[in-house]
Amino acid sequence: QVQLVESGGGSVQSGGSLRLSCAVSGGTVDSYCLAWFRQAPGKEREGVASIDSDGRTSYADSVKGRFTISKDNAKNTLYLQMDSLKPEDTAMYYCAADRPPCSVTTVLSLGLMEAGLPYWGQGTQVTVSA
């Protein structure tokens, strides 16, 4: 059974940086499509970024140029480097995974559906103050 555990969240001032990590067990990061999602209080879940087994990536327009998704096969870990953070980036951030066949597009779409993806982490809170 694949398990995902996020870490790295915290509080930072506007313009600062954070790096989120998602440790994967029960499977390898190069076997799945992986993605980061976020949800702020009172708002719908939003797809942030995704990466497939070949390293192709996709980003939400709201984070393009500021966030970078990557993975380390040796450490079996997914990352989200977040730079130039804004108060509107404040949310609970979740990593998720989908089994193949999948793509950077489908994993982001399925993550917005109820029970659309089989594997989720417990979330890590990011708070950006003005």
N, C-alpha and C. Protein backbone atom coordinates (compact mmCIF):
# COMPACT_ATOMS: atom_id res chain seq x y z
N GLN A 1 0.84 -1.19 0.00
CA GLN A 1 0.00 0.00 0.00
C GLN A 1 0.89 1.25 0.00
N VAL A 2 0.65 2.13 -0.95
CA VAL A 2 1.43 3.36 -1.06
C VAL A 2 1.01 4.32 0.04
N GLN A 3 2.01 4.88 0.70
CA GLN A 3 1.76 5.90 1.72
C GLN A 3 2.56 7.15 1.40
N LEU A 4 1.96 8.30 1.63
CA LEU A 4 2.57 9.60 1.35
C LEU A 4 2.59 10.42 2.63
N VAL A 5 3.74 10.99 2.95
CA VAL A 5 3.86 11.79 4.17
C VAL A 5 4.52 13.12 3.82
N GLU A 6 3.75 14.22 3.97
CA GLU A 6 4.28 15.54 3.67
C GLU A 6 5.00 16.14 4.88
N SER A 7 5.92 17.04 4.58
CA SER A 7 6.59 17.82 5.61
C SER A 7 7.11 19.11 4.98
N GLY A 8 7.55 20.02 5.81
CA GLY A 8 8.17 21.24 5.30
C GLY A 8 7.30 22.48 5.35
N GLY A 9 6.06 22.33 5.74
CA GLY A 9 5.20 23.50 5.84
C GLY A 9 5.62 24.40 6.99
N GLY A 10 5.03 25.59 7.03
CA GLY A 10 5.34 26.52 8.10
C GLY A 10 4.80 27.89 7.80
N SER A 11 5.27 28.86 8.57
CA SER A 11 4.86 30.24 8.40
C SER A 11 6.03 31.05 7.84
N VAL A 12 5.73 31.89 6.86
CA VAL A 12 6.77 32.68 6.21
C VAL A 12 6.17 34.02 5.79
N GLN A 13 7.01 35.02 5.68
CA GLN A 13 6.52 36.32 5.21
C GLN A 13 6.43 36.34 3.70
N SER A 14 5.61 37.25 3.22
CA SER A 14 5.44 37.43 1.77
C SER A 14 6.80 37.65 1.12
N GLY A 15 7.01 36.95 0.00
CA GLY A 15 8.28 37.01 -0.69
C GLY A 15 9.27 35.94 -0.29
N GLY A 16 8.95 35.21 0.77
CA GLY A 16 9.83 34.16 1.25
C GLY A 16 9.68 32.86 0.48
N SER A 17 10.40 31.85 0.96
CA SER A 17 10.44 30.55 0.29
C SER A 17 10.23 29.43 1.29
N LEU A 18 9.67 28.34 0.78
CA LEU A 18 9.55 27.09 1.53
C LEU A 18 9.74 25.93 0.57
N ARG A 19 10.22 24.82 1.07
CA ARG A 19 10.27 23.60 0.27
C ARG A 19 9.50 22.51 0.97
N LEU A 20 8.48 22.02 0.30
CA LEU A 20 7.69 20.92 0.82
C LEU A 20 8.27 19.61 0.33
N SER A 21 8.19 18.60 1.18
CA SER A 21 8.63 17.26 0.82
C SER A 21 7.48 16.29 1.01
N CYS A 22 7.47 15.25 0.20
CA CYS A 22 6.47 14.19 0.30
C CYS A 22 7.21 12.86 0.19
N ALA A 23 7.40 12.20 1.31
CA ALA A 23 8.09 10.91 1.33
C ALA A 23 7.12 9.81 0.91
N VAL A 24 7.56 9.00 -0.04
CA VAL A 24 6.72 7.93 -0.58
C VAL A 24 7.23 6.58 -0.09
N SER A 25 6.32 5.75 0.39
CA SER A 25 6.66 4.38 0.77
C SER A 25 5.63 3.43 0.17
N GLY A 26 6.04 2.18 0.01
CA GLY A 26 5.15 1.19 -0.59
C GLY A 26 5.11 1.27 -2.10
N GLY A 27 5.92 2.12 -2.69
CA GLY A 27 5.99 2.29 -4.13
C GLY A 27 7.15 3.21 -4.45
N THR A 28 7.47 3.36 -5.74
CA THR A 28 8.57 4.23 -6.11
C THR A 28 8.05 5.45 -6.88
N VAL A 29 8.70 6.59 -6.65
CA VAL A 29 8.22 7.83 -7.26
C VAL A 29 8.27 7.78 -8.78
N ASP A 30 9.15 6.93 -9.34
CA ASP A 30 9.24 6.88 -10.79
C ASP A 30 8.20 5.96 -11.41
N SER A 31 7.31 5.43 -10.60
CA SER A 31 6.25 4.55 -11.12
C SER A 31 4.89 5.22 -11.20
N TYR A 32 4.77 6.41 -10.64
CA TYR A 32 3.47 7.06 -10.52
C TYR A 32 3.48 8.47 -11.10
N CYS A 33 2.30 8.98 -11.37
CA CYS A 33 2.13 10.41 -11.58
C CYS A 33 1.88 11.03 -10.20
N LEU A 34 2.61 12.08 -9.90
CA LEU A 34 2.55 12.71 -8.59
C LEU A 34 2.12 14.16 -8.72
N ALA A 35 1.45 14.65 -7.69
CA ALA A 35 0.96 16.03 -7.78
C ALA A 35 0.86 16.65 -6.39
N TRP A 36 0.88 17.97 -6.40
CA TRP A 36 0.60 18.76 -5.20
C TRP A 36 -0.74 19.48 -5.41
N PHE A 37 -1.54 19.45 -4.37
CA PHE A 37 -2.79 20.18 -4.33
C PHE A 37 -2.80 21.08 -3.09
N ARG A 38 -3.68 22.05 -3.07
CA ARG A 38 -3.82 22.89 -1.90
C ARG A 38 -5.29 23.24 -1.70
N GLN A 39 -5.63 23.50 -0.45
CA GLN A 39 -6.99 23.91 -0.14
C GLN A 39 -6.96 24.91 1.00
N ALA A 40 -7.49 26.08 0.74
CA ALA A 40 -7.60 27.12 1.75
C ALA A 40 -8.98 27.03 2.39
N PRO A 41 -9.12 27.51 3.62
CA PRO A 41 -10.43 27.47 4.29
C PRO A 41 -11.51 28.14 3.46
N GLY A 42 -12.62 27.44 3.27
CA GLY A 42 -13.74 27.99 2.53
C GLY A 42 -13.58 27.97 1.03
N LYS A 43 -12.49 27.42 0.54
CA LYS A 43 -12.25 27.37 -0.90
C LYS A 43 -12.14 25.93 -1.37
N GLU A 44 -12.32 25.75 -2.67
CA GLU A 44 -12.21 24.42 -3.26
C GLU A 44 -10.75 24.02 -3.39
N ARG A 45 -10.54 22.72 -3.44
CA ARG A 45 -9.19 22.20 -3.67
C ARG A 45 -8.68 22.67 -5.02
N GLU A 46 -7.41 22.97 -5.08
CA GLU A 46 -6.78 23.47 -6.30
C GLU A 46 -5.55 22.64 -6.63
N GLY A 47 -5.43 22.25 -7.88
CA GLY A 47 -4.23 21.57 -8.33
C GLY A 47 -3.11 22.57 -8.49
N VAL A 48 -1.93 22.28 -7.95
CA VAL A 48 -0.82 23.21 -7.97
C VAL A 48 0.21 22.82 -9.03
N ALA A 49 0.66 21.58 -9.00
CA ALA A 49 1.70 21.12 -9.92
C ALA A 49 1.69 19.61 -9.97
N SER A 50 2.19 19.07 -11.08
CA SER A 50 2.24 17.62 -11.22
C SER A 50 3.50 17.22 -11.99
N ILE A 51 3.87 15.94 -11.85
CA ILE A 51 5.04 15.40 -12.53
C ILE A 51 4.78 13.94 -12.84
N ASP A 52 5.20 13.51 -14.03
CA ASP A 52 4.96 12.11 -14.38
C ASP A 52 6.24 11.30 -14.23
N SER A 53 6.17 10.02 -14.59
CA SER A 53 7.30 9.13 -14.39
C SER A 53 8.51 9.52 -15.23
N ASP A 54 8.27 10.25 -16.33
CA ASP A 54 9.37 10.68 -17.20
C ASP A 54 9.88 12.08 -16.85
N GLY A 55 9.30 12.69 -15.83
CA GLY A 55 9.75 14.01 -15.41
C GLY A 55 9.04 15.18 -16.06
N ARG A 56 8.04 14.90 -16.88
CA ARG A 56 7.26 16.00 -17.45
C ARG A 56 6.46 16.66 -16.33
N THR A 57 6.31 17.98 -16.42
CA THR A 57 5.65 18.73 -15.36
C THR A 57 4.53 19.60 -15.90
N SER A 58 3.64 19.97 -15.00
CA SER A 58 2.56 20.89 -15.32
C SER A 58 2.30 21.75 -14.08
N TYR A 59 1.95 23.02 -14.32
CA TYR A 59 1.74 23.95 -13.21
C TYR A 59 0.44 24.73 -13.40
N ALA A 60 -0.17 25.07 -12.29
CA ALA A 60 -1.29 26.00 -12.33
C ALA A 60 -0.76 27.38 -12.71
N ASP A 61 -1.56 28.13 -13.43
CA ASP A 61 -1.12 29.46 -13.85
C ASP A 61 -0.74 30.33 -12.65
N SER A 62 -1.41 30.14 -11.54
CA SER A 62 -1.18 30.98 -10.36
C SER A 62 0.19 30.78 -9.73
N VAL A 63 0.87 29.69 -10.07
CA VAL A 63 2.18 29.42 -9.45
C VAL A 63 3.31 29.32 -10.46
N LYS A 64 3.00 29.41 -11.74
CA LYS A 64 4.04 29.31 -12.78
C LYS A 64 5.11 30.37 -12.55
N GLY A 65 6.36 29.94 -12.63
CA GLY A 65 7.48 30.86 -12.45
C GLY A 65 7.87 31.06 -11.00
N ARG A 66 7.04 30.58 -10.08
CA ARG A 66 7.35 30.73 -8.65
C ARG A 66 7.57 29.38 -7.96
N PHE A 67 6.84 28.36 -8.39
CA PHE A 67 6.93 27.04 -7.78
C PHE A 67 7.61 26.07 -8.73
N THR A 68 8.35 25.10 -8.16
CA THR A 68 9.00 24.07 -8.96
C THR A 68 8.75 22.70 -8.32
N ILE A 69 8.18 21.81 -9.10
CA ILE A 69 7.96 20.44 -8.63
C ILE A 69 9.12 19.57 -9.12
N SER A 70 9.57 18.67 -8.27
CA SER A 70 10.67 17.77 -8.64
C SER A 70 10.57 16.51 -7.81
N LYS A 71 11.37 15.54 -8.16
CA LYS A 71 11.40 14.30 -7.39
C LYS A 71 12.82 13.75 -7.36
N ASP A 72 13.13 13.04 -6.30
CA ASP A 72 14.42 12.41 -6.13
C ASP A 72 14.17 10.91 -6.05
N ASN A 73 14.54 10.21 -7.11
CA ASN A 73 14.28 8.77 -7.15
C ASN A 73 15.05 8.03 -6.06
N ALA A 74 16.27 8.47 -5.80
CA ALA A 74 17.10 7.79 -4.79
C ALA A 74 16.49 7.92 -3.40
N LYS A 75 15.90 9.08 -3.12
CA LYS A 75 15.28 9.30 -1.82
C LYS A 75 13.80 8.95 -1.81
N ASN A 76 13.28 8.61 -3.00
CA ASN A 76 11.85 8.28 -3.14
C ASN A 76 10.97 9.39 -2.55
N THR A 77 11.29 10.61 -2.92
CA THR A 77 10.63 11.78 -2.35
C THR A 77 10.24 12.77 -3.44
N LEU A 78 9.07 13.35 -3.27
CA LEU A 78 8.55 14.40 -4.14
C LEU A 78 8.76 15.73 -3.42
N TYR A 79 9.08 16.78 -4.20
CA TYR A 79 9.32 18.10 -3.61
C TYR A 79 8.46 19.16 -4.30
N LEU A 80 8.23 20.25 -3.56
CA LEU A 80 7.65 21.45 -4.14
C LEU A 80 8.43 22.63 -3.58
N GLN A 81 9.27 23.22 -4.43
CA GLN A 81 10.00 24.42 -4.05
C GLN A 81 9.10 25.62 -4.33
N MET A 82 8.84 26.39 -3.29
CA MET A 82 7.94 27.53 -3.42
C MET A 82 8.71 28.82 -3.13
N ASP A 83 8.85 29.66 -4.13
CA ASP A 83 9.55 30.93 -4.01
C ASP A 83 8.57 32.09 -4.24
N SER A 84 8.99 33.27 -3.83
CA SER A 84 8.16 34.47 -4.00
C SER A 84 6.74 34.23 -3.50
N LEU A 85 6.65 33.69 -2.32
CA LEU A 85 5.34 33.33 -1.77
C LEU A 85 4.49 34.56 -1.51
N LYS A 86 3.19 34.38 -1.70
CA LYS A 86 2.21 35.45 -1.52
C LYS A 86 1.18 35.01 -0.46
N PRO A 87 0.53 35.96 0.17
CA PRO A 87 -0.51 35.58 1.16
C PRO A 87 -1.58 34.66 0.58
N GLU A 88 -1.88 34.81 -0.70
CA GLU A 88 -2.89 33.95 -1.32
C GLU A 88 -2.41 32.52 -1.52
N ASP A 89 -1.14 32.24 -1.24
CA ASP A 89 -0.64 30.85 -1.28
C ASP A 89 -0.93 30.12 0.03
N THR A 90 -1.44 30.83 1.01
CA THR A 90 -1.78 30.21 2.29
C THR A 90 -2.82 29.13 2.12
N ALA A 91 -2.51 27.91 2.56
CA ALA A 91 -3.41 26.78 2.39
C ALA A 91 -2.81 25.54 3.04
N MET A 92 -3.61 24.50 3.11
CA MET A 92 -3.08 23.17 3.43
C MET A 92 -2.65 22.55 2.11
N TYR A 93 -1.43 22.05 2.08
CA TYR A 93 -0.88 21.46 0.88
C TYR A 93 -0.82 19.94 1.02
N TYR A 94 -1.29 19.26 -0.02
CA TYR A 94 -1.34 17.80 -0.03
C TYR A 94 -0.58 17.25 -1.24
N CYS A 95 0.12 16.14 -1.05
CA CYS A 95 0.65 15.43 -2.20
C CYS A 95 -0.27 14.23 -2.48
N ALA A 96 -0.29 13.83 -3.73
CA ALA A 96 -1.16 12.75 -4.16
C ALA A 96 -0.48 12.00 -5.30
N ALA A 97 -0.94 10.78 -5.51
CA ALA A 97 -0.34 9.94 -6.55
C ALA A 97 -1.41 9.15 -7.29
N ASP A 98 -1.14 8.90 -8.55
CA ASP A 98 -2.02 8.07 -9.37
C ASP A 98 -1.21 6.97 -10.03
N ARG A 99 -1.84 5.83 -10.18
CA ARG A 99 -1.21 4.70 -10.86
C ARG A 99 -1.24 4.92 -12.36
N PRO A 100 -0.25 4.37 -13.09
CA PRO A 100 -0.32 4.41 -14.56
C PRO A 100 -1.43 3.49 -15.06
N PRO A 101 -1.97 3.82 -16.25
CA PRO A 101 -1.59 4.95 -17.11
C PRO A 101 -2.14 6.26 -16.55
N CYS A 102 -1.32 7.28 -16.63
CA CYS A 102 -1.68 8.59 -16.11
C CYS A 102 -0.84 9.64 -16.82
N SER A 103 -1.16 10.90 -16.59
CA SER A 103 -0.40 11.99 -17.19
C SER A 103 -0.40 13.17 -16.24
N VAL A 104 0.42 14.17 -16.54
CA VAL A 104 0.47 15.36 -15.69
C VAL A 104 -0.87 16.10 -15.72
N THR A 105 -1.63 15.90 -16.77
CA THR A 105 -2.94 16.55 -16.87
C THR A 105 -4.01 15.77 -16.12
N THR A 106 -4.05 14.46 -16.34
CA THR A 106 -5.11 13.66 -15.71
C THR A 106 -4.98 13.63 -14.19
N VAL A 107 -3.76 13.62 -13.68
CA VAL A 107 -3.61 13.55 -12.23
C VAL A 107 -4.14 14.83 -11.58
N LEU A 108 -3.96 15.97 -12.23
CA LEU A 108 -4.49 17.22 -11.69
C LEU A 108 -6.02 17.26 -11.79
N SER A 109 -6.56 16.72 -12.86
CA SER A 109 -8.02 16.71 -13.03
C SER A 109 -8.68 15.75 -12.05
N LEU A 110 -8.13 14.55 -11.93
CA LEU A 110 -8.72 13.55 -11.04
C LEU A 110 -8.64 13.98 -9.59
N GLY A 111 -7.60 14.73 -9.25
CA GLY A 111 -7.46 15.18 -7.86
C GLY A 111 -8.55 16.14 -7.41
N LEU A 112 -9.28 16.70 -8.34
CA LEU A 112 -10.36 17.61 -8.00
C LEU A 112 -11.69 16.87 -7.82
N MET A 113 -11.68 15.58 -8.11
CA MET A 113 -12.90 14.78 -8.01
C MET A 113 -12.91 13.98 -6.71
N GLU A 114 -14.09 13.74 -6.19
CA GLU A 114 -14.22 12.92 -4.99
C GLU A 114 -13.70 11.53 -5.28
N ALA A 115 -12.76 11.08 -4.49
CA ALA A 115 -12.14 9.76 -4.67
C ALA A 115 -11.52 9.59 -6.05
N GLY A 116 -11.04 10.67 -6.64
CA GLY A 116 -10.48 10.58 -7.97
C GLY A 116 -9.08 10.00 -8.02
N LEU A 117 -8.31 10.16 -6.92
CA LEU A 117 -6.96 9.62 -6.85
C LEU A 117 -6.86 8.63 -5.70
N PRO A 118 -6.08 7.57 -5.89
CA PRO A 118 -6.05 6.51 -4.86
C PRO A 118 -5.19 6.82 -3.64
N TYR A 119 -4.20 7.72 -3.81
CA TYR A 119 -3.25 7.93 -2.72
C TYR A 119 -3.10 9.42 -2.38
N TRP A 120 -3.21 9.70 -1.09
CA TRP A 120 -3.10 11.07 -0.59
C TRP A 120 -2.28 11.11 0.70
N GLY A 121 -1.56 12.19 0.89
CA GLY A 121 -0.92 12.44 2.16
C GLY A 121 -1.88 13.14 3.12
N GLN A 122 -1.41 13.40 4.32
CA GLN A 122 -2.25 13.99 5.35
C GLN A 122 -2.25 15.52 5.31
N GLY A 123 -1.31 16.10 4.57
CA GLY A 123 -1.28 17.54 4.41
C GLY A 123 -0.27 18.23 5.30
N THR A 124 0.20 19.39 4.84
CA THR A 124 1.09 20.23 5.63
C THR A 124 0.67 21.68 5.41
N GLN A 125 0.59 22.46 6.49
CA GLN A 125 0.06 23.81 6.43
C GLN A 125 1.13 24.82 6.02
N VAL A 126 0.77 25.67 5.08
CA VAL A 126 1.63 26.78 4.65
C VAL A 126 0.87 28.08 4.93
N THR A 127 1.51 28.97 5.67
CA THR A 127 0.90 30.26 5.99
C THR A 127 1.85 31.37 5.58
N VAL A 128 1.37 32.27 4.73
CA VAL A 128 2.18 33.38 4.25
C VAL A 128 1.56 34.67 4.75
N SER A 129 2.32 35.43 5.50
CA SER A 129 1.82 36.70 6.04
C SER A 129 2.30 37.87 5.19
N ALA A 130 1.47 38.90 5.16
CA ALA A 130 1.77 40.07 4.33
C ALA A 130 2.91 40.89 4.92
